[in-house]
C-alpha cells in the first residue's frame, strides 16, 4: 500500500531521474525504506537497519 502511494505521488519517477547518474546501487529503494520507517515509527531513526 505504501509503495503504491509512493508511486502515485510520483516519488519513484522523480528519484530515478535525480539519482540515475549517481547510482551504483538502488538508492531509490533505500530512500523508500527510510521514509516508510519514519512513517511507521517517527521517533526512531536507528531502526532503519532492521
PDB file of N, CA and C in Angstrom:
ATOM      1  N   UNK A   1       0.821  -1.186   0.000  1.00  0.00           N
ATOM      2  CA  UNK A   1       0.000   0.000   0.000  1.00  0.00           C
ATOM      3  C   UNK A   1       0.873   1.262   0.000  1.00  0.00           C
ATOM      4  N   UNK A   2       1.913   1.276   0.824  1.00  0.00           N
ATOM      5  CA  UNK A   2       2.784   2.447   0.864  1.00  0.00           C
ATOM      6  C   UNK A   2       3.560   2.602  -0.439  1.00  0.00           C
ATOM      7  N   UNK A   3       3.938   1.489  -1.035  1.00  0.00           N
ATOM      8  CA  UNK A   3       4.652   1.556  -2.309  1.00  0.00           C
ATOM      9  C   UNK A   3       3.747   2.107  -3.398  1.00  0.00           C
ATOM     10  N   UNK A   4       2.484   1.726  -3.392  1.00  0.00           N
ATOM     11  CA  UNK A   4       1.536   2.259  -4.374  1.00  0.00           C
ATOM     12  C   UNK A   4       1.374   3.765  -4.196  1.00  0.00           C
ATOM     13  N   UNK A   5       1.280   4.224  -2.962  1.00  0.00           N
ATOM     14  CA  UNK A   5       1.187   5.660  -2.686  1.00  0.00           C
ATOM     15  C   UNK A   5       2.456   6.372  -3.135  1.00  0.00           C
ATOM     16  N   UNK A   6       3.606   5.781  -2.850  1.00  0.00           N
ATOM     17  CA  UNK A   6       4.904   6.332  -3.256  1.00  0.00           C
ATOM     18  C   UNK A   6       4.923   6.557  -4.775  1.00  0.00           C
ATOM     19  N   UNK A   7       4.472   5.545  -5.508  1.00  0.00           N
ATOM     20  CA  UNK A   7       4.448   5.638  -6.968  1.00  0.00           C
ATOM     21  C   UNK A   7       3.404   6.643  -7.452  1.00  0.00           C
ATOM     22  N   UNK A   8       2.228   6.646  -6.827  1.00  0.00           N
ATOM     23  CA  UNK A   8       1.156   7.556  -7.230  1.00  0.00           C
ATOM     24  C   UNK A   8       1.552   9.023  -7.026  1.00  0.00           C
ATOM     25  N   UNK A   9       2.296   9.294  -5.978  1.00  0.00           N
ATOM     26  CA  UNK A   9       2.748  10.656  -5.717  1.00  0.00           C
ATOM     27  C   UNK A   9       3.892  11.077  -6.633  1.00  0.00           C
ATOM     28  N   UNK A  10       4.442  10.128  -7.373  1.00  0.00           N
ATOM     29  CA  UNK A  10       5.477  10.440  -8.350  1.00  0.00           C
ATOM     30  C   UNK A  10       6.889  10.426  -7.793  1.00  0.00           C
ATOM     31  N   UNK A  11       7.055   9.967  -6.556  1.00  0.00           N
ATOM     32  CA  UNK A  11       8.380   9.946  -5.953  1.00  0.00           C
ATOM     33  C   UNK A  11       9.319   8.994  -6.688  1.00  0.00           C
ATOM     34  N   UNK A  12       8.791   7.867  -7.108  1.00  0.00           N
ATOM     35  CA  UNK A  12       9.629   6.872  -7.778  1.00  0.00           C
ATOM     36  C   UNK A  12      10.266   7.457  -9.040  1.00  0.00           C
ATOM     37  N   UNK A  13       9.455   8.069  -9.881  1.00  0.00           N
ATOM     38  CA  UNK A  13       9.980   8.663 -11.116  1.00  0.00           C
ATOM     39  C   UNK A  13      10.934   9.810 -10.827  1.00  0.00           C
ATOM     40  N   UNK A  14      10.581  10.648  -9.859  1.00  0.00           N
ATOM     41  CA  UNK A  14      11.429  11.803  -9.529  1.00  0.00           C
ATOM     42  C   UNK A  14      12.798  11.356  -9.031  1.00  0.00           C
ATOM     43  N   UNK A  15      12.830  10.408  -8.109  1.00  0.00           N
ATOM     44  CA  UNK A  15      14.113   9.951  -7.581  1.00  0.00           C
ATOM     45  C   UNK A  15      14.924   9.211  -8.628  1.00  0.00           C
ATOM     46  N   UNK A  16      14.272   8.482  -9.520  1.00  0.00           N
ATOM     47  CA  UNK A  16      15.011   7.799 -10.586  1.00  0.00           C
ATOM     48  C   UNK A  16      15.699   8.800 -11.500  1.00  0.00           C
ATOM     49  N   UNK A  17      15.006   9.894 -11.825  1.00  0.00           N
ATOM     50  CA  UNK A  17      15.616  10.919 -12.682  1.00  0.00           C
ATOM     51  C   UNK A  17      16.774  11.610 -11.972  1.00  0.00           C
ATOM     52  N   UNK A  18      16.594  11.917 -10.699  1.00  0.00           N
ATOM     53  CA  UNK A  18      17.621  12.634  -9.942  1.00  0.00           C
ATOM     54  C   UNK A  18      18.838  11.754  -9.686  1.00  0.00           C
ATOM     55  N   UNK A  19      18.600  10.517  -9.328  1.00  0.00           N
ATOM     56  CA  UNK A  19      19.683   9.637  -8.882  1.00  0.00           C
ATOM     57  C   UNK A  19      20.315   8.816  -9.996  1.00  0.00           C
ATOM     58  N   UNK A  20      19.743   8.811 -11.169  1.00  0.00           N
ATOM     59  CA  UNK A  20      20.228   7.944 -12.252  1.00  0.00           C
ATOM     60  C   UNK A  20      21.721   8.068 -12.514  1.00  0.00           C
ATOM     61  N   UNK A  21      22.275   9.275 -12.652  1.00  0.00           N
ATOM     62  CA  UNK A  21      23.705   9.360 -12.975  1.00  0.00           C
ATOM     63  C   UNK A  21      24.627   8.907 -11.839  1.00  0.00           C
ATOM     64  N   UNK A  22      24.127   8.843 -10.637  1.00  0.00           N
ATOM     65  CA  UNK A  22      24.977   8.563  -9.479  1.00  0.00           C
ATOM     66  C   UNK A  22      24.767   7.161  -8.907  1.00  0.00           C
ATOM     67  N   UNK A  23      23.961   6.364  -9.557  1.00  0.00           N
ATOM     68  CA  UNK A  23      23.560   5.082  -8.973  1.00  0.00           C
ATOM     69  C   UNK A  23      24.558   3.971  -9.251  1.00  0.00           C
ATOM     70  N   UNK A  24      25.023   3.355  -8.174  1.00  0.00           N
ATOM     71  CA  UNK A  24      25.749   2.096  -8.265  1.00  0.00           C
ATOM     72  C   UNK A  24      24.997   1.054  -7.448  1.00  0.00           C
ATOM     73  N   UNK A  25      23.889   1.460  -6.858  1.00  0.00           N
ATOM     74  CA  UNK A  25      23.013   0.602  -6.058  1.00  0.00           C
ATOM     75  C   UNK A  25      21.622   1.210  -6.150  1.00  0.00           C
ATOM     76  N   UNK A  26      20.630   0.553  -5.585  1.00  0.00           N
ATOM     77  CA  UNK A  26      19.250   1.023  -5.677  1.00  0.00           C
ATOM     78  C   UNK A  26      18.977   2.079  -4.595  1.00  0.00           C
ATOM     79  N   UNK A  27      19.410   3.302  -4.863  1.00  0.00           N
ATOM     80  CA  UNK A  27      19.258   4.394  -3.893  1.00  0.00           C
ATOM     81  C   UNK A  27      17.797   4.719  -3.651  1.00  0.00           C
ATOM     82  N   UNK A  28      16.965   4.592  -4.670  1.00  0.00           N
ATOM     83  CA  UNK A  28      15.539   4.883  -4.511  1.00  0.00           C
ATOM     84  C   UNK A  28      14.902   3.922  -3.514  1.00  0.00           C
ATOM     85  N   UNK A  29      15.291   2.668  -3.544  1.00  0.00           N
ATOM     86  CA  UNK A  29      14.765   1.693  -2.586  1.00  0.00           C
ATOM     87  C   UNK A  29      15.194   2.044  -1.160  1.00  0.00           C
ATOM     88  N   UNK A  30      16.424   2.494  -0.999  1.00  0.00           N
ATOM     89  CA  UNK A  30      16.894   2.891   0.331  1.00  0.00           C
ATOM     90  C   UNK A  30      16.131   4.114   0.844  1.00  0.00           C
ATOM     91  N   UNK A  31      15.889   5.087  -0.028  1.00  0.00           N
ATOM     92  CA  UNK A  31      15.113   6.259   0.370  1.00  0.00           C
ATOM     93  C   UNK A  31      13.692   5.868   0.760  1.00  0.00           C
ATOM     94  N   UNK A  32      13.097   4.957  -0.007  1.00  0.00           N
ATOM     95  CA  UNK A  32      11.739   4.495   0.284  1.00  0.00           C
ATOM     96  C   UNK A  32      11.685   3.811   1.650  1.00  0.00           C
ATOM     97  N   UNK A  33      12.664   2.978   1.958  1.00  0.00           N
ATOM     98  CA  UNK A  33      12.705   2.304   3.261  1.00  0.00           C
ATOM     99  C   UNK A  33      12.842   3.313   4.393  1.00  0.00           C
ATOM    100  N   UNK A  34      13.690   4.321   4.204  1.00  0.00           N
ATOM    101  CA  UNK A  34      13.868   5.331   5.255  1.00  0.00           C
ATOM    102  C   UNK A  34      12.577   6.119   5.487  1.00  0.00           C
ATOM    103  N   UNK A  35      11.876   6.471   4.422  1.00  0.00           N
ATOM    104  CA  UNK A  35      10.614   7.206   4.562  1.00  0.00           C
ATOM    105  C   UNK A  35       9.562   6.334   5.235  1.00  0.00           C
ATOM    106  N   UNK A  36       9.418   5.090   4.804  1.00  0.00           N
ATOM    107  CA  UNK A  36       8.416   4.198   5.389  1.00  0.00           C
ATOM    108  C   UNK A  36       8.707   3.933   6.864  1.00  0.00           C
ATOM    109  N   UNK A  37       9.979   3.751   7.188  1.00  0.00           N
ATOM    110  CA  UNK A  37      10.358   3.525   8.587  1.00  0.00           C
ATOM    111  C   UNK A  37       9.991   4.731   9.431  1.00  0.00           C
ATOM    112  N   UNK A  38      10.247   5.894   8.914  1.00  0.00           N
ATOM    113  CA  UNK A  38       9.930   7.118   9.657  1.00  0.00           C
ATOM    114  C   UNK A  38       8.416   7.291   9.806  1.00  0.00           C
ATOM    115  N   UNK A  39       7.642   6.908   8.782  1.00  0.00           N
ATOM    116  CA  UNK A  39       6.190   6.988   8.882  1.00  0.00           C
ATOM    117  C   UNK A  39       5.642   6.022   9.925  1.00  0.00           C
ATOM    118  N   UNK A  40       6.231   4.844  10.016  1.00  0.00           N
ATOM    119  CA  UNK A  40       5.759   3.832  10.961  1.00  0.00           C
ATOM    120  C   UNK A  40       6.194   4.115  12.384  1.00  0.00           C
ATOM    121  N   UNK A  41       7.363   4.704  12.558  1.00  0.00           N
ATOM    122  CA  UNK A  41       7.893   4.984  13.891  1.00  0.00           C
ATOM    123  C   UNK A  41       8.673   6.298  13.844  1.00  0.00           C
ATOM    124  N   UNK A  42       7.978   7.439  13.914  1.00  0.00           N
ATOM    125  CA  UNK A  42       8.617   8.740  13.717  1.00  0.00           C
ATOM    126  C   UNK A  42       9.742   9.074  14.699  1.00  0.00           C
ATOM    127  N   UNK A  43       9.760   8.461  15.849  1.00  0.00           N
ATOM    128  CA  UNK A  43      10.778   8.790  16.851  1.00  0.00           C
ATOM    129  C   UNK A  43      12.064   7.987  16.666  1.00  0.00           C
ATOM    130  N   UNK A  44      12.038   6.989  15.826  1.00  0.00           N
ATOM    131  CA  UNK A  44      13.190   6.122  15.700  1.00  0.00           C
ATOM    132  C   UNK A  44      13.919   6.323  14.387  1.00  0.00           C
ATOM    133  N   UNK A  45      15.141   6.819  14.453  1.00  0.00           N
ATOM    134  CA  UNK A  45      15.971   6.931  13.262  1.00  0.00           C
ATOM    135  C   UNK A  45      16.949   5.757  13.203  1.00  0.00           C
ATOM    136  N   UNK A  46      17.086   5.033  14.299  1.00  0.00           N
ATOM    137  CA  UNK A  46      18.076   3.963  14.360  1.00  0.00           C
ATOM    138  C   UNK A  46      17.516   2.603  13.970  1.00  0.00           C
ATOM    139  N   UNK A  47      16.237   2.489  13.722  1.00  0.00           N
ATOM    140  CA  UNK A  47      15.644   1.180  13.402  1.00  0.00           C
ATOM    141  C   UNK A  47      15.663   0.870  11.926  1.00  0.00           C
ATOM    142  N   UNK A  48      16.212   1.732  11.113  1.00  0.00           N
ATOM    143  CA  UNK A  48      16.256   1.517   9.674  1.00  0.00           C
ATOM    144  C   UNK A  48      17.022   0.239   9.345  1.00  0.00           C
ATOM    145  N   UNK A  49      18.069  -0.049  10.095  1.00  0.00           N
ATOM    146  CA  UNK A  49      18.889  -1.233   9.798  1.00  0.00           C
ATOM    147  C   UNK A  49      18.129  -2.534  10.023  1.00  0.00           C
ATOM    148  N   UNK A  50      17.009  -2.523  10.698  1.00  0.00           N
ATOM    149  CA  UNK A  50      16.223  -3.746  10.918  1.00  0.00           C
ATOM    150  C   UNK A  50      15.428  -3.998   9.693  1.00  0.00           C
TER     151      UNK A  50
END
